[in-house]
Structures are given as structure tokens and as C-alpha cells.
Amino acid sequence: VQLVESGGGLVQAGGSLRLSCAASGSIFSFSIMGWYRQPPGKQREFVATITSDGSTNYADSVKGRFTISRDNAKNTVYLQMNSLKPEDTAAYYCNSIVGGYNDWGPGTQVTVTS
């Protein structure tokens, strides 16, 4: 599965961004899709996942502010990010797990200024 993220950018604290991740292939609807992020100088960390049946899971640090969703007809997963904080600054990566494969996108940068 090839993944391409988009939607990153520079935003002020309190603002919003929506990230998109477009996936190739015909088995997207069976995949577990996720968003992870890597802040500057830190390890990559979990943000959110959504299963094939739409069940979601979030890191405590983003609960109530971020929403993950998917559109199986468009082979796309989204991450709506509201009430952004400077500590949300990171490279955001899309992840796909399906059929024994675990794939990553190249990432998109999100920078939140105070």
C-alpha cells in the first residue's frame, strides 16, 4: 500500500488543520489506518487509529481535540485537528495495516506557533 499525506502547514495555537492520507490499492476498506507523529528530537508516537468497522482509538494527549475518520470510497483517512497547541508540532505520518503488511507515508509537517 502506498500512502501520501497532505494538509500539513503552519497554524497559530488554537487553530485547526485537517490532514488527509490517500492510499493506493483495492483493500483499503479492510485496513486499520492510523496517524502517528514525531515531534522534533523525539520518538515517533501514536496519535489515533480507526479500524475497518470505524472503531477509533486516541492518545490521551489529543482526545477531545482530534478526530480520525475514513472514506472507503475515496481510499482516504483524515485527521481533523482542532484547538492545536505548540506541543502538537511534529511530522505526522499515516500508517496502514492490512494483510500482514505495515506501511507508512512520507509524512507531513505540522507547526503550531504560540
N, C-alpha and C. Protein backbone atom coordinates (compact mmCIF):
# COMPACT_ATOMS: atom_id res chain seq x y z
N VAL A 1 0.84 -1.19 0.00
CA VAL A 1 0.00 0.00 0.00
C VAL A 1 0.88 1.25 0.00
N GLN A 2 0.60 2.14 -0.93
CA GLN A 2 1.31 3.42 -0.94
C GLN A 2 0.43 4.48 -0.31
N LEU A 3 1.03 5.28 0.54
CA LEU A 3 0.30 6.29 1.30
C LEU A 3 0.90 7.66 1.04
N VAL A 4 0.05 8.66 0.87
CA VAL A 4 0.52 10.03 0.67
C VAL A 4 -0.29 10.97 1.55
N GLU A 5 0.40 11.63 2.48
CA GLU A 5 -0.25 12.59 3.36
C GLU A 5 -0.28 13.98 2.74
N SER A 6 -1.24 14.76 3.16
CA SER A 6 -1.33 16.16 2.76
C SER A 6 -2.09 16.93 3.83
N GLY A 7 -1.99 18.26 3.76
CA GLY A 7 -2.76 19.09 4.66
C GLY A 7 -1.99 19.71 5.80
N GLY A 8 -0.71 19.39 5.91
CA GLY A 8 0.09 19.99 6.97
C GLY A 8 0.36 21.46 6.67
N GLY A 9 0.92 22.14 7.67
CA GLY A 9 1.24 23.55 7.47
C GLY A 9 1.53 24.25 8.77
N LEU A 10 1.52 25.57 8.69
CA LEU A 10 1.80 26.44 9.84
C LEU A 10 0.49 27.03 10.33
N VAL A 11 0.24 26.93 11.62
CA VAL A 11 -1.01 27.43 12.18
C VAL A 11 -0.75 27.99 13.58
N GLN A 12 -1.54 28.98 13.96
CA GLN A 12 -1.41 29.54 15.30
C GLN A 12 -2.09 28.64 16.33
N ALA A 13 -1.63 28.71 17.56
CA ALA A 13 -2.26 27.96 18.64
C ALA A 13 -3.75 28.29 18.71
N GLY A 14 -4.54 27.24 18.90
CA GLY A 14 -5.99 27.40 18.91
C GLY A 14 -6.64 27.16 17.56
N GLY A 15 -5.83 27.10 16.53
CA GLY A 15 -6.34 26.90 15.18
C GLY A 15 -6.60 25.45 14.86
N SER A 16 -6.98 25.21 13.60
CA SER A 16 -7.33 23.87 13.14
C SER A 16 -6.64 23.54 11.83
N LEU A 17 -6.42 22.26 11.63
CA LEU A 17 -5.94 21.72 10.36
C LEU A 17 -6.61 20.38 10.13
N ARG A 18 -6.75 20.01 8.87
CA ARG A 18 -7.23 18.66 8.54
C ARG A 18 -6.19 17.99 7.66
N LEU A 19 -5.67 16.90 8.15
CA LEU A 19 -4.73 16.09 7.38
C LEU A 19 -5.50 15.03 6.61
N SER A 20 -4.99 14.72 5.42
CA SER A 20 -5.55 13.65 4.60
C SER A 20 -4.46 12.65 4.26
N CYS A 21 -4.85 11.42 4.09
CA CYS A 21 -3.92 10.37 3.66
C CYS A 21 -4.61 9.53 2.61
N ALA A 22 -4.10 9.61 1.39
CA ALA A 22 -4.66 8.83 0.29
C ALA A 22 -3.87 7.54 0.13
N ALA A 23 -4.61 6.44 0.03
CA ALA A 23 -4.00 5.11 -0.07
C ALA A 23 -4.26 4.49 -1.42
N SER A 24 -3.27 3.75 -1.90
CA SER A 24 -3.44 3.02 -3.15
C SER A 24 -4.05 1.66 -2.86
N GLY A 25 -4.47 0.97 -3.90
CA GLY A 25 -4.93 -0.40 -3.74
C GLY A 25 -6.42 -0.54 -3.55
N SER A 26 -6.87 -1.79 -3.60
CA SER A 26 -8.30 -2.07 -3.54
C SER A 26 -8.75 -2.68 -2.22
N ILE A 27 -7.83 -2.73 -1.26
CA ILE A 27 -8.18 -3.37 0.01
C ILE A 27 -8.21 -2.37 1.16
N PHE A 28 -8.29 -1.10 0.82
CA PHE A 28 -8.28 -0.05 1.85
C PHE A 28 -9.35 -0.29 2.89
N SER A 29 -10.53 -0.70 2.46
CA SER A 29 -11.65 -0.83 3.40
C SER A 29 -11.40 -1.89 4.47
N PHE A 30 -10.44 -2.77 4.24
CA PHE A 30 -10.14 -3.83 5.21
C PHE A 30 -9.02 -3.43 6.17
N SER A 31 -8.41 -2.30 5.95
CA SER A 31 -7.21 -1.92 6.69
C SER A 31 -7.53 -1.22 8.00
N ILE A 32 -6.58 -1.35 8.92
CA ILE A 32 -6.55 -0.50 10.10
C ILE A 32 -5.67 0.69 9.74
N MET A 33 -6.23 1.88 9.82
CA MET A 33 -5.49 3.08 9.46
C MET A 33 -5.16 3.87 10.71
N GLY A 34 -3.99 4.49 10.69
CA GLY A 34 -3.58 5.23 11.87
C GLY A 34 -2.79 6.48 11.52
N TRP A 35 -2.73 7.36 12.49
CA TRP A 35 -1.88 8.56 12.43
C TRP A 35 -0.90 8.50 13.60
N TYR A 36 0.34 8.80 13.28
CA TYR A 36 1.39 8.88 14.28
C TYR A 36 2.12 10.20 14.04
N ARG A 37 2.88 10.64 15.04
CA ARG A 37 3.64 11.87 14.87
C ARG A 37 5.00 11.77 15.54
N GLN A 38 5.93 12.56 15.03
CA GLN A 38 7.27 12.60 15.60
C GLN A 38 7.65 14.05 15.85
N PRO A 39 7.58 14.48 17.11
CA PRO A 39 8.00 15.85 17.44
C PRO A 39 9.50 16.00 17.23
N PRO A 40 9.98 17.22 17.07
CA PRO A 40 11.41 17.43 16.87
C PRO A 40 12.23 16.84 18.00
N GLY A 41 13.22 16.03 17.67
CA GLY A 41 14.11 15.45 18.66
C GLY A 41 13.52 14.34 19.50
N LYS A 42 12.32 13.87 19.14
CA LYS A 42 11.67 12.83 19.95
C LYS A 42 11.33 11.61 19.10
N GLN A 43 10.87 10.55 19.80
CA GLN A 43 10.47 9.33 19.11
C GLN A 43 9.09 9.51 18.48
N ARG A 44 8.83 8.69 17.47
CA ARG A 44 7.51 8.68 16.87
C ARG A 44 6.49 8.16 17.89
N GLU A 45 5.31 8.76 17.93
CA GLU A 45 4.30 8.40 18.92
C GLU A 45 2.94 8.23 18.28
N PHE A 46 2.13 7.44 18.94
CA PHE A 46 0.77 7.15 18.49
C PHE A 46 -0.13 8.36 18.64
N VAL A 47 -0.98 8.59 17.65
CA VAL A 47 -1.97 9.67 17.73
C VAL A 47 -3.38 9.09 17.73
N ALA A 48 -3.73 8.32 16.68
CA ALA A 48 -5.08 7.78 16.57
C ALA A 48 -5.12 6.65 15.56
N THR A 49 -6.08 5.75 15.76
CA THR A 49 -6.32 4.69 14.78
C THR A 49 -7.81 4.56 14.52
N ILE A 50 -8.13 3.98 13.36
CA ILE A 50 -9.52 3.67 13.02
C ILE A 50 -9.53 2.32 12.31
N THR A 51 -10.41 1.43 12.78
CA THR A 51 -10.47 0.09 12.20
C THR A 51 -11.37 0.08 10.97
N SER A 52 -11.45 -1.09 10.36
CA SER A 52 -12.26 -1.23 9.15
C SER A 52 -13.74 -0.99 9.44
N ASP A 53 -14.17 -1.25 10.68
CA ASP A 53 -15.58 -1.04 11.00
C ASP A 53 -15.83 0.32 11.67
N GLY A 54 -14.79 1.17 11.68
CA GLY A 54 -14.97 2.53 12.16
C GLY A 54 -14.69 2.76 13.62
N SER A 55 -14.23 1.76 14.33
CA SER A 55 -13.87 1.95 15.74
C SER A 55 -12.61 2.79 15.83
N THR A 56 -12.59 3.72 16.77
CA THR A 56 -11.47 4.64 16.89
C THR A 56 -10.79 4.55 18.24
N ASN A 57 -9.54 4.97 18.26
CA ASN A 57 -8.76 5.00 19.48
C ASN A 57 -7.83 6.20 19.40
N TYR A 58 -7.66 6.89 20.53
CA TYR A 58 -6.87 8.12 20.53
C TYR A 58 -5.85 8.13 21.66
N ALA A 59 -4.75 8.82 21.43
CA ALA A 59 -3.82 9.11 22.51
C ALA A 59 -4.49 10.08 23.46
N ASP A 60 -4.18 9.96 24.74
CA ASP A 60 -4.80 10.84 25.73
C ASP A 60 -4.52 12.31 25.42
N SER A 61 -3.36 12.58 24.85
CA SER A 61 -2.97 13.97 24.61
C SER A 61 -3.81 14.67 23.53
N VAL A 62 -4.53 13.90 22.73
CA VAL A 62 -5.32 14.51 21.65
C VAL A 62 -6.82 14.26 21.79
N LYS A 63 -7.22 13.46 22.77
CA LYS A 63 -8.65 13.17 22.96
C LYS A 63 -9.44 14.45 23.14
N GLY A 64 -10.56 14.52 22.44
CA GLY A 64 -11.42 15.69 22.53
C GLY A 64 -11.01 16.82 21.60
N ARG A 65 -9.83 16.72 21.00
CA ARG A 65 -9.36 17.76 20.08
C ARG A 65 -9.19 17.25 18.65
N PHE A 66 -8.77 16.01 18.51
CA PHE A 66 -8.53 15.41 17.20
C PHE A 66 -9.62 14.38 16.90
N THR A 67 -9.96 14.25 15.62
CA THR A 67 -10.93 13.25 15.18
C THR A 67 -10.39 12.55 13.94
N ILE A 68 -10.31 11.22 14.02
CA ILE A 68 -9.91 10.43 12.86
C ILE A 68 -11.16 9.90 12.17
N SER A 69 -11.14 9.89 10.85
CA SER A 69 -12.27 9.37 10.09
C SER A 69 -11.75 8.79 8.78
N ARG A 70 -12.60 8.05 8.10
CA ARG A 70 -12.19 7.44 6.84
C ARG A 70 -13.32 7.48 5.83
N ASP A 71 -12.94 7.53 4.57
CA ASP A 71 -13.89 7.45 3.46
C ASP A 71 -13.41 6.32 2.57
N ASN A 72 -14.03 5.17 2.72
CA ASN A 72 -13.57 3.99 1.98
C ASN A 72 -13.78 4.15 0.48
N ALA A 73 -14.76 4.94 0.07
CA ALA A 73 -15.00 5.15 -1.36
C ALA A 73 -13.86 5.94 -2.00
N LYS A 74 -13.18 6.74 -1.17
CA LYS A 74 -12.06 7.57 -1.68
C LYS A 74 -10.70 7.04 -1.25
N ASN A 75 -10.69 5.89 -0.57
CA ASN A 75 -9.42 5.34 -0.08
C ASN A 75 -8.62 6.37 0.72
N THR A 76 -9.31 7.10 1.58
CA THR A 76 -8.68 8.21 2.28
C THR A 76 -9.04 8.17 3.76
N VAL A 77 -8.04 8.48 4.58
CA VAL A 77 -8.26 8.65 6.01
C VAL A 77 -7.91 10.09 6.37
N TYR A 78 -8.64 10.64 7.31
CA TYR A 78 -8.48 12.04 7.69
C TYR A 78 -8.13 12.15 9.17
N LEU A 79 -7.49 13.27 9.50
CA LEU A 79 -7.28 13.62 10.90
C LEU A 79 -7.65 15.10 11.05
N GLN A 80 -8.80 15.34 11.64
CA GLN A 80 -9.22 16.71 11.93
C GLN A 80 -8.61 17.12 13.26
N MET A 81 -7.84 18.19 13.24
CA MET A 81 -7.12 18.63 14.44
C MET A 81 -7.63 20.02 14.82
N ASN A 82 -8.26 20.11 15.97
CA ASN A 82 -8.78 21.38 16.48
C ASN A 82 -8.05 21.78 17.76
N SER A 83 -8.18 23.02 18.13
CA SER A 83 -7.56 23.53 19.36
C SER A 83 -6.08 23.15 19.42
N LEU A 84 -5.39 23.40 18.34
CA LEU A 84 -3.99 22.98 18.26
C LEU A 84 -3.13 23.73 19.27
N LYS A 85 -2.12 23.02 19.76
CA LYS A 85 -1.19 23.56 20.75
C LYS A 85 0.23 23.49 20.18
N PRO A 86 1.12 24.33 20.68
CA PRO A 86 2.51 24.26 20.20
C PRO A 86 3.11 22.86 20.35
N GLU A 87 2.69 22.12 21.38
CA GLU A 87 3.24 20.77 21.57
C GLU A 87 2.71 19.77 20.55
N ASP A 88 1.78 20.17 19.71
CA ASP A 88 1.33 19.31 18.62
C ASP A 88 2.26 19.41 17.41
N THR A 89 3.23 20.32 17.47
CA THR A 89 4.19 20.46 16.38
C THR A 89 4.95 19.16 16.18
N ALA A 90 4.90 18.65 14.94
CA ALA A 90 5.53 17.36 14.64
C ALA A 90 5.38 17.05 13.16
N ALA A 91 6.13 16.05 12.73
CA ALA A 91 5.85 15.43 11.44
C ALA A 91 4.80 14.36 11.67
N TYR A 92 3.74 14.41 10.89
CA TYR A 92 2.62 13.47 11.06
C TYR A 92 2.67 12.42 9.95
N TYR A 93 2.55 11.16 10.36
CA TYR A 93 2.67 10.04 9.44
C TYR A 93 1.40 9.21 9.44
N CYS A 94 1.02 8.79 8.25
CA CYS A 94 -0.11 7.90 8.05
C CYS A 94 0.40 6.46 8.05
N ASN A 95 -0.38 5.56 8.62
CA ASN A 95 0.01 4.15 8.71
C ASN A 95 -1.15 3.26 8.28
N SER A 96 -0.81 2.19 7.57
CA SER A 96 -1.80 1.21 7.13
C SER A 96 -1.36 -0.19 7.53
N ILE A 97 -2.27 -0.92 8.14
CA ILE A 97 -2.02 -2.32 8.48
C ILE A 97 -3.11 -3.16 7.83
N VAL A 98 -2.70 -4.02 6.90
CA VAL A 98 -3.67 -4.88 6.22
C VAL A 98 -2.94 -6.06 5.60
N GLY A 99 -3.52 -7.24 5.72
CA GLY A 99 -2.97 -8.41 5.07
C GLY A 99 -1.53 -8.73 5.45
N GLY A 100 -1.16 -8.42 6.67
CA GLY A 100 0.20 -8.69 7.11
C GLY A 100 1.21 -7.63 6.73
N TYR A 101 0.77 -6.61 6.04
CA TYR A 101 1.64 -5.51 5.64
C TYR A 101 1.43 -4.31 6.55
N ASN A 102 2.53 -3.62 6.82
CA ASN A 102 2.52 -2.43 7.67
C ASN A 102 3.26 -1.33 6.92
N ASP A 103 2.53 -0.37 6.39
CA ASP A 103 3.11 0.64 5.52
C ASP A 103 2.98 2.04 6.10
N TRP A 104 3.92 2.90 5.70
CA TRP A 104 3.96 4.28 6.19
C TRP A 104 4.03 5.26 5.02
N GLY A 105 3.43 6.42 5.22
CA GLY A 105 3.59 7.50 4.27
C GLY A 105 4.86 8.28 4.58
N PRO A 106 5.22 9.23 3.71
CA PRO A 106 6.45 10.01 3.91
C PRO A 106 6.30 11.09 4.97
N GLY A 107 5.07 11.41 5.36
CA GLY A 107 4.86 12.39 6.42
C GLY A 107 4.52 13.77 5.90
N THR A 108 3.87 14.54 6.78
CA THR A 108 3.56 15.94 6.50
C THR A 108 3.80 16.74 7.77
N GLN A 109 4.41 17.90 7.63
CA GLN A 109 4.82 18.69 8.80
C GLN A 109 3.68 19.58 9.28
N VAL A 110 3.47 19.58 10.58
CA VAL A 110 2.53 20.48 11.23
C VAL A 110 3.32 21.31 12.24
N THR A 111 3.22 22.63 12.11
CA THR A 111 3.89 23.53 13.02
C THR A 111 2.87 24.47 13.64
N VAL A 112 2.82 24.47 14.96
CA VAL A 112 1.86 25.30 15.69
C VAL A 112 2.64 26.36 16.46
N THR A 113 2.34 27.62 16.17
CA THR A 113 3.05 28.73 16.82
C THR A 113 2.23 29.28 17.97
N SER A 114 2.92 29.77 18.97
CA SER A 114 2.21 30.32 20.15
C SER A 114 1.94 31.81 19.98
